[in-house]
Amino acid sequence: MAVVKNLNTDLTISNKVNPTANIVLATHTLYVQGNLVVGGNASTVSKTDLAITDNTIILNKGETGAGVTLGSAGIQVDRGVSANVSVLWNEAYDRWQITNDGTTFGNISSSSGAGASALIDDPAPTLGGNLNTLARSIYSSNVAVVSFDDNVAIKNTTIAPSAIAGYNVIYAQSPNGGGSGLYVTNTTNSNRELASARKAIVYSLVL
């Protein structure tokens, strides 16, 4: 039968002889009928299944500063001999970040909307492959010019594109009489090669 001990004060179990000694409760299941407060600097759960009813887990609880004063807070996965990976909040950048190698962190989109993502959330985005615009446009929303700070290479095509209303379509083919290899098609002219500076001088002398 169960043994019940009723107390009208706190119960303290301690080891005065050896403060580093452990207290082991060898039982099938330990029930705590009330709140559980665990002190110390570390808590370890050595079981394979952990079920938590609370739908919100609070990290960095007790923070008194403006933001995470330790710099970051998140969840880390131990991968054994491989580098650990983690998802964390980076206070320095005000961004959620994720790493797949334990070293390089990338920003996680924080745009509004269901499943939204925006390059504006990354101040220095880098492509990991080719950019396929899927018939979309590249444009600037605040100025009338899209700037390229480096050289632009246009691959030669064997099929001249069709005209698009409201646009001048520029493409590249093997240089012909104009000497430039750059061609333009619009609703007025089709497949006209732009003249290079040298060819333009020759044409001006001839005319």
C-alpha atoms as a PDB file:
ATOM      1  CA  MET A   1       0.000   0.000   0.000  1.00  0.00           C
ATOM      2  CA  ALA A   2       1.054   3.601  -0.510  1.00  0.00           C
ATOM      3  CA  VAL A   3       2.945   5.406   2.237  1.00  0.00           C
ATOM      4  CA  VAL A   4       1.699   8.942   2.838  1.00  0.00           C
ATOM      5  CA  LYS A   5       3.654  11.482   4.876  1.00  0.00           C
ATOM      6  CA  ASN A   6       1.863  14.711   5.677  1.00  0.00           C
ATOM      7  CA  LEU A   7       4.068  17.713   6.480  1.00  0.00           C
ATOM      8  CA  ASN A   8       3.226  21.235   7.562  1.00  0.00           C
ATOM      9  CA  THR A   9       6.602  22.670   6.547  1.00  0.00           C
ATOM     10  CA  ASP A  10       9.268  22.338   3.817  1.00  0.00           C
ATOM     11  CA  LEU A  11      11.197  19.077   3.460  1.00  0.00           C
ATOM     12  CA  THR A  12      14.887  19.365   2.591  1.00  0.00           C
ATOM     13  CA  ILE A  13      17.077  16.396   1.648  1.00  0.00           C
ATOM     14  CA  SER A  14      20.787  17.213   1.601  1.00  0.00           C
ATOM     15  CA  ASN A  15      24.177  15.592   2.095  1.00  0.00           C
ATOM     16  CA  LYS A  16      26.216  17.587   4.594  1.00  0.00           C
ATOM     17  CA  VAL A  17      29.122  15.113   4.582  1.00  0.00           C
ATOM     18  CA  ASN A  18      29.728  15.080   0.807  1.00  0.00           C
ATOM     19  CA  PRO A  19      28.056  17.998  -1.044  1.00  0.00           C
ATOM     20  CA  THR A  20      28.970  16.456  -4.433  1.00  0.00           C
ATOM     21  CA  ALA A  21      27.158  13.178  -3.719  1.00  0.00           C
ATOM     22  CA  ASN A  22      24.026  12.394  -5.750  1.00  0.00           C
ATOM     23  CA  ILE A  23      20.521  11.540  -4.599  1.00  0.00           C
ATOM     24  CA  VAL A  24      19.020   8.786  -6.765  1.00  0.00           C
ATOM     25  CA  LEU A  25      15.282   7.999  -6.862  1.00  0.00           C
ATOM     26  CA  ALA A  26      15.112   4.455  -8.257  1.00  0.00           C
ATOM     27  CA  THR A  27      11.471   4.135  -9.249  1.00  0.00           C
ATOM     28  CA  HIS A  28       9.395   3.197 -12.294  1.00  0.00           C
ATOM     29  CA  THR A  29       7.666   6.557 -12.583  1.00  0.00           C
ATOM     30  CA  LEU A  30       8.154   9.744 -10.573  1.00  0.00           C
ATOM     31  CA  TYR A  31       5.035  11.879 -10.257  1.00  0.00           C
ATOM     32  CA  VAL A  32       5.289  15.511  -9.199  1.00  0.00           C
ATOM     33  CA  GLN A  33       1.815  16.708  -8.246  1.00  0.00           C
ATOM     34  CA  GLY A  34       2.621  20.396  -8.524  1.00  0.00           C
ATOM     35  CA  ASN A  35       5.108  22.773 -10.059  1.00  0.00           C
ATOM     36  CA  LEU A  36       8.695  21.596 -10.557  1.00  0.00           C
ATOM     37  CA  VAL A  37      11.565  24.059 -10.176  1.00  0.00           C
ATOM     38  CA  VAL A  38      15.040  22.787 -11.113  1.00  0.00           C
ATOM     39  CA  GLY A  39      18.040  24.829 -10.005  1.00  0.00           C
ATOM     40  CA  GLY A  40      21.694  24.437 -10.916  1.00  0.00           C
ATOM     41  CA  ASN A  41      23.406  25.200 -14.192  1.00  0.00           C
ATOM     42  CA  ALA A  42      22.472  22.130 -16.246  1.00  0.00           C
ATOM     43  CA  SER A  43      19.468  19.846 -16.780  1.00  0.00           C
ATOM     44  CA  THR A  44      19.863  16.636 -18.769  1.00  0.00           C
ATOM     45  CA  VAL A  45      17.096  14.370 -20.077  1.00  0.00           C
ATOM     46  CA  SER A  46      18.538  10.966 -21.028  1.00  0.00           C
ATOM     47  CA  LYS A  47      15.412   9.413 -22.544  1.00  0.00           C
ATOM     48  CA  THR A  48      14.666   8.896 -26.230  1.00  0.00           C
ATOM     49  CA  ASP A  49      11.092  10.221 -26.133  1.00  0.00           C
ATOM     50  CA  LEU A  50      10.245  13.665 -24.798  1.00  0.00           C
ATOM     51  CA  ALA A  51       6.629  14.834 -24.934  1.00  0.00           C
ATOM     52  CA  ILE A  52       5.779  18.409 -23.958  1.00  0.00           C
ATOM     53  CA  THR A  53       2.192  19.594 -23.685  1.00  0.00           C
ATOM     54  CA  ASP A  54       3.055  23.314 -23.711  1.00  0.00           C
ATOM     55  CA  ASN A  55       2.771  24.737 -27.223  1.00  0.00           C
ATOM     56  CA  THR A  56       5.338  27.481 -26.601  1.00  0.00           C
ATOM     57  CA  ILE A  57       8.869  26.882 -25.326  1.00  0.00           C
ATOM     58  CA  ILE A  58      10.527  30.007 -23.911  1.00  0.00           C
ATOM     59  CA  LEU A  59      14.280  30.351 -24.421  1.00  0.00           C
ATOM     60  CA  ASN A  60      16.466  32.937 -22.688  1.00  0.00           C
ATOM     61  CA  LYS A  61      13.819  33.372 -19.976  1.00  0.00           C
ATOM     62  CA  GLY A  62      14.590  36.076 -17.437  1.00  0.00           C
ATOM     63  CA  GLU A  63      16.308  38.416 -19.910  1.00  0.00           C
ATOM     64  CA  THR A  64      16.442  41.926 -18.459  1.00  0.00           C
ATOM     65  CA  GLY A  65      18.260  43.721 -21.271  1.00  0.00           C
ATOM     66  CA  ALA A  66      17.072  45.091 -24.602  1.00  0.00           C
ATOM     67  CA  GLY A  67      17.144  41.955 -26.711  1.00  0.00           C
ATOM     68  CA  VAL A  68      19.253  38.846 -26.210  1.00  0.00           C
ATOM     69  CA  THR A  69      22.277  40.205 -24.352  1.00  0.00           C
ATOM     70  CA  LEU A  70      24.214  36.959 -24.921  1.00  0.00           C
ATOM     71  CA  GLY A  71      24.010  37.644 -28.671  1.00  0.00           C
ATOM     72  CA  SER A  72      21.872  34.721 -29.801  1.00  0.00           C
ATOM     73  CA  ALA A  73      19.365  32.116 -28.633  1.00  0.00           C
ATOM     74  CA  GLY A  74      18.095  29.039 -30.433  1.00  0.00           C
ATOM     75  CA  ILE A  75      17.971  25.282 -30.809  1.00  0.00           C
ATOM     76  CA  GLN A  76      21.031  23.160 -31.646  1.00  0.00           C
ATOM     77  CA  VAL A  77      21.185  19.594 -32.945  1.00  0.00           C
ATOM     78  CA  ASP A  78      24.081  17.351 -31.864  1.00  0.00           C
ATOM     79  CA  ARG A  79      25.322  15.458 -34.942  1.00  0.00           C
ATOM     80  CA  GLY A  80      28.037  13.408 -33.278  1.00  0.00           C
ATOM     81  CA  VAL A  81      31.345  13.583 -35.169  1.00  0.00           C
ATOM     82  CA  SER A  82      29.752  15.931 -37.731  1.00  0.00           C
ATOM     83  CA  ALA A  83      29.340  19.657 -37.122  1.00  0.00           C
ATOM     84  CA  ASN A  84      26.308  20.604 -35.065  1.00  0.00           C
ATOM     85  CA  VAL A  85      23.530  22.541 -36.795  1.00  0.00           C
ATOM     86  CA  SER A  86      21.143  25.043 -35.305  1.00  0.00           C
ATOM     87  CA  VAL A  87      18.301  27.490 -35.740  1.00  0.00           C
ATOM     88  CA  LEU A  88      18.812  30.673 -33.765  1.00  0.00           C
ATOM     89  CA  TRP A  89      17.862  34.302 -33.288  1.00  0.00           C
ATOM     90  CA  ASN A  90      20.821  36.586 -34.045  1.00  0.00           C
ATOM     91  CA  GLU A  91      20.445  39.773 -32.031  1.00  0.00           C
ATOM     92  CA  ALA A  92      23.180  41.618 -33.936  1.00  0.00           C
ATOM     93  CA  TYR A  93      21.244  41.335 -37.220  1.00  0.00           C
ATOM     94  CA  ASP A  94      17.685  41.165 -35.812  1.00  0.00           C
ATOM     95  CA  ARG A  95      17.150  38.043 -37.897  1.00  0.00           C
ATOM     96  CA  TRP A  96      16.333  34.366 -37.486  1.00  0.00           C
ATOM     97  CA  GLN A  97      19.200  32.343 -38.935  1.00  0.00           C
ATOM     98  CA  ILE A  98      19.865  28.716 -39.855  1.00  0.00           C
ATOM     99  CA  THR A  99      23.065  26.761 -40.495  1.00  0.00           C
ATOM    100  CA  ASN A 100      23.562  23.471 -42.331  1.00  0.00           C
ATOM    101  CA  ASP A 101      27.263  23.128 -41.548  1.00  0.00           C
ATOM    102  CA  GLY A 102      27.641  24.720 -38.108  1.00  0.00           C
ATOM    103  CA  THR A 103      29.672  27.619 -39.500  1.00  0.00           C
ATOM    104  CA  THR A 104      27.826  29.469 -42.258  1.00  0.00           C
ATOM    105  CA  PHE A 105      24.550  31.047 -41.173  1.00  0.00           C
ATOM    106  CA  GLY A 106      21.856  32.234 -43.571  1.00  0.00           C
ATOM    107  CA  ASN A 107      18.945  34.505 -42.765  1.00  0.00           C
ATOM    108  CA  ILE A 108      15.460  33.033 -42.616  1.00  0.00           C
ATOM    109  CA  SER A 109      12.834  35.167 -44.327  1.00  0.00           C
ATOM    110  CA  SER A 110      10.702  37.179 -41.942  1.00  0.00           C
ATOM    111  CA  SER A 111       8.385  38.770 -44.502  1.00  0.00           C
ATOM    112  CA  SER A 112       4.706  39.013 -43.729  1.00  0.00           C
ATOM    113  CA  GLY A 113       2.226  36.674 -45.339  1.00  0.00           C
ATOM    114  CA  ALA A 114       1.771  32.916 -45.391  1.00  0.00           C
ATOM    115  CA  GLY A 115       4.987  31.304 -46.571  1.00  0.00           C
ATOM    116  CA  ALA A 116       6.271  34.594 -47.960  1.00  0.00           C
ATOM    117  CA  SER A 117       9.928  35.064 -48.792  1.00  0.00           C
ATOM    118  CA  ALA A 118      11.702  38.183 -49.979  1.00  0.00           C
ATOM    119  CA  LEU A 119      15.267  38.910 -50.998  1.00  0.00           C
ATOM    120  CA  ILE A 120      14.944  42.213 -49.148  1.00  0.00           C
ATOM    121  CA  ASP A 121      15.397  40.207 -45.929  1.00  0.00           C
ATOM    122  CA  ASP A 122      18.941  39.346 -47.058  1.00  0.00           C
ATOM    123  CA  PRO A 123      21.202  42.411 -47.523  1.00  0.00           C
ATOM    124  CA  ALA A 124      23.686  40.411 -49.642  1.00  0.00           C
ATOM    125  CA  PRO A 125      21.842  37.543 -51.381  1.00  0.00           C
ATOM    126  CA  THR A 126      23.888  35.001 -53.333  1.00  0.00           C
ATOM    127  CA  LEU A 127      22.491  32.546 -55.851  1.00  0.00           C
ATOM    128  CA  GLY A 128      23.458  28.904 -55.618  1.00  0.00           C
ATOM    129  CA  GLY A 129      22.543  28.295 -59.253  1.00  0.00           C
ATOM    130  CA  ASN A 130      21.008  29.854 -62.343  1.00  0.00           C
ATOM    131  CA  LEU A 131      18.252  32.430 -61.965  1.00  0.00           C
ATOM    132  CA  ASN A 132      15.086  31.426 -63.808  1.00  0.00           C
ATOM    133  CA  THR A 133      12.625  34.328 -63.817  1.00  0.00           C
ATOM    134  CA  LEU A 134       9.788  32.173 -65.227  1.00  0.00           C
ATOM    135  CA  ALA A 135       8.600  34.877 -67.641  1.00  0.00           C
ATOM    136  CA  ARG A 136       8.752  37.517 -64.892  1.00  0.00           C
ATOM    137  CA  SER A 137      10.342  40.960 -65.123  1.00  0.00           C
ATOM    138  CA  ILE A 138      13.413  42.398 -63.404  1.00  0.00           C
ATOM    139  CA  TYR A 139      12.846  46.054 -62.597  1.00  0.00           C
ATOM    140  CA  SER A 140      13.561  48.797 -60.062  1.00  0.00           C
ATOM    141  CA  SER A 141      10.562  50.076 -58.115  1.00  0.00           C
ATOM    142  CA  ASN A 142      12.076  53.445 -57.090  1.00  0.00           C
ATOM    143  CA  VAL A 143      14.180  54.510 -60.118  1.00  0.00           C
ATOM    144  CA  ALA A 144      13.757  54.078 -63.854  1.00  0.00           C
ATOM    145  CA  VAL A 145      17.097  52.302 -64.309  1.00  0.00           C
ATOM    146  CA  VAL A 146      18.363  48.814 -63.409  1.00  0.00           C
ATOM    147  CA  SER A 147      22.106  49.082 -62.754  1.00  0.00           C
ATOM    148  CA  PHE A 148      24.760  46.415 -63.412  1.00  0.00           C
ATOM    149  CA  ASP A 149      28.080  47.023 -61.654  1.00  0.00           C
ATOM    150  CA  ASP A 150      29.952  44.463 -63.757  1.00  0.00           C
ATOM    151  CA  ASN A 151      30.126  43.253 -67.340  1.00  0.00           C
ATOM    152  CA  VAL A 152      27.022  41.681 -68.830  1.00  0.00           C
ATOM    153  CA  ALA A 153      27.482  38.655 -71.104  1.00  0.00           C
ATOM    154  CA  ILE A 154      24.685  37.789 -73.542  1.00  0.00           C
ATOM    155  CA  LYS A 155      24.867  34.300 -74.997  1.00  0.00           C
ATOM    156  CA  ASN A 156      24.496  33.988 -78.766  1.00  0.00           C
ATOM    157  CA  THR A 157      21.210  32.568 -79.980  1.00  0.00           C
ATOM    158  CA  THR A 158      20.442  30.957 -83.321  1.00  0.00           C
ATOM    159  CA  ILE A 159      16.757  31.918 -83.197  1.00  0.00           C
ATOM    160  CA  ALA A 160      15.870  35.591 -83.256  1.00  0.00           C
ATOM    161  CA  PRO A 161      13.203  36.473 -80.655  1.00  0.00           C
ATOM    162  CA  SER A 162       9.830  37.855 -81.623  1.00  0.00           C
ATOM    163  CA  ALA A 163       8.850  41.463 -81.031  1.00  0.00           C
ATOM    164  CA  ILE A 164       7.119  42.379 -77.771  1.00  0.00           C
ATOM    165  CA  ALA A 165       4.823  45.390 -77.693  1.00  0.00           C
ATOM    166  CA  GLY A 166       6.304  48.216 -75.645  1.00  0.00           C
ATOM    167  CA  TYR A 167       9.801  46.679 -75.525  1.00  0.00           C
ATOM    168  CA  ASN A 168      13.023  46.709 -77.503  1.00  0.00           C
ATOM    169  CA  VAL A 169      14.309  43.138 -77.431  1.00  0.00           C
ATOM    170  CA  ILE A 170      18.119  43.000 -77.410  1.00  0.00           C
ATOM    171  CA  TYR A 171      19.856  39.696 -78.143  1.00  0.00           C
ATOM    172  CA  ALA A 172      23.185  38.389 -79.432  1.00  0.00           C
ATOM    173  CA  GLN A 173      24.147  36.485 -82.576  1.00  0.00           C
ATOM    174  CA  SER A 174      27.317  36.131 -84.599  1.00  0.00           C
ATOM    175  CA  PRO A 175      28.535  39.589 -85.757  1.00  0.00           C
ATOM    176  CA  ASN A 176      27.420  40.548 -89.224  1.00  0.00           C
ATOM    177  CA  GLY A 177      27.649  43.783 -91.172  1.00  0.00           C
ATOM    178  CA  GLY A 178      27.286  45.931 -88.065  1.00  0.00           C
ATOM    179  CA  GLY A 179      30.247  44.265 -86.405  1.00  0.00           C
ATOM    180  CA  SER A 180      28.727  44.283 -82.888  1.00  0.00           C
ATOM    181  CA  GLY A 181      26.828  41.013 -82.687  1.00  0.00           C
ATOM    182  CA  LEU A 182      24.089  42.801 -80.753  1.00  0.00           C
ATOM    183  CA  TYR A 183      20.686  42.851 -82.382  1.00  0.00           C
ATOM    184  CA  VAL A 184      17.425  44.594 -81.631  1.00  0.00           C
ATOM    185  CA  THR A 185      13.859  43.695 -82.514  1.00  0.00           C
ATOM    186  CA  ASN A 186      10.786  45.803 -81.875  1.00  0.00           C
ATOM    187  CA  THR A 187       7.365  46.318 -83.433  1.00  0.00           C
ATOM    188  CA  THR A 188       8.902  48.614 -86.077  1.00  0.00           C
ATOM    189  CA  ASN A 189      12.182  46.869 -86.925  1.00  0.00           C
ATOM    190  CA  SER A 190      13.116  43.193 -86.879  1.00  0.00           C
ATOM    191  CA  ASN A 191      16.551  41.677 -86.323  1.00  0.00           C
ATOM    192  CA  ARG A 192      18.540  44.894 -86.807  1.00  0.00           C
ATOM    193  CA  GLU A 193      22.204  44.669 -85.784  1.00  0.00           C
ATOM    194  CA  LEU A 194      23.614  47.565 -83.776  1.00  0.00           C
ATOM    195  CA  ALA A 195      26.687  49.055 -85.426  1.00  0.00           C
ATOM    196  CA  SER A 196      30.034  49.079 -83.607  1.00  0.00           C
ATOM    197  CA  ALA A 197      32.019  52.335 -83.392  1.00  0.00           C
ATOM    198  CA  ARG A 198      34.345  51.235 -86.203  1.00  0.00           C
ATOM    199  CA  LYS A 199      31.485  50.241 -88.492  1.00  0.00           C
ATOM    200  CA  ALA A 200      29.655  53.479 -87.704  1.00  0.00           C
ATOM    201  CA  ILE A 201      32.679  55.506 -88.835  1.00  0.00           C
ATOM    202  CA  VAL A 202      32.884  53.492 -92.071  1.00  0.00           C
ATOM    203  CA  TYR A 203      29.185  54.011 -92.739  1.00  0.00           C
ATOM    204  CA  SER A 204      29.471  57.753 -92.090  1.00  0.00           C
ATOM    205  CA  LEU A 205      32.329  58.056 -94.617  1.00  0.00           C
ATOM    206  CA  VAL A 206      30.415  56.064 -97.207  1.00  0.00           C
ATOM    207  CA  LEU A 207      27.271  58.111 -96.774  1.00  0.00           C
END
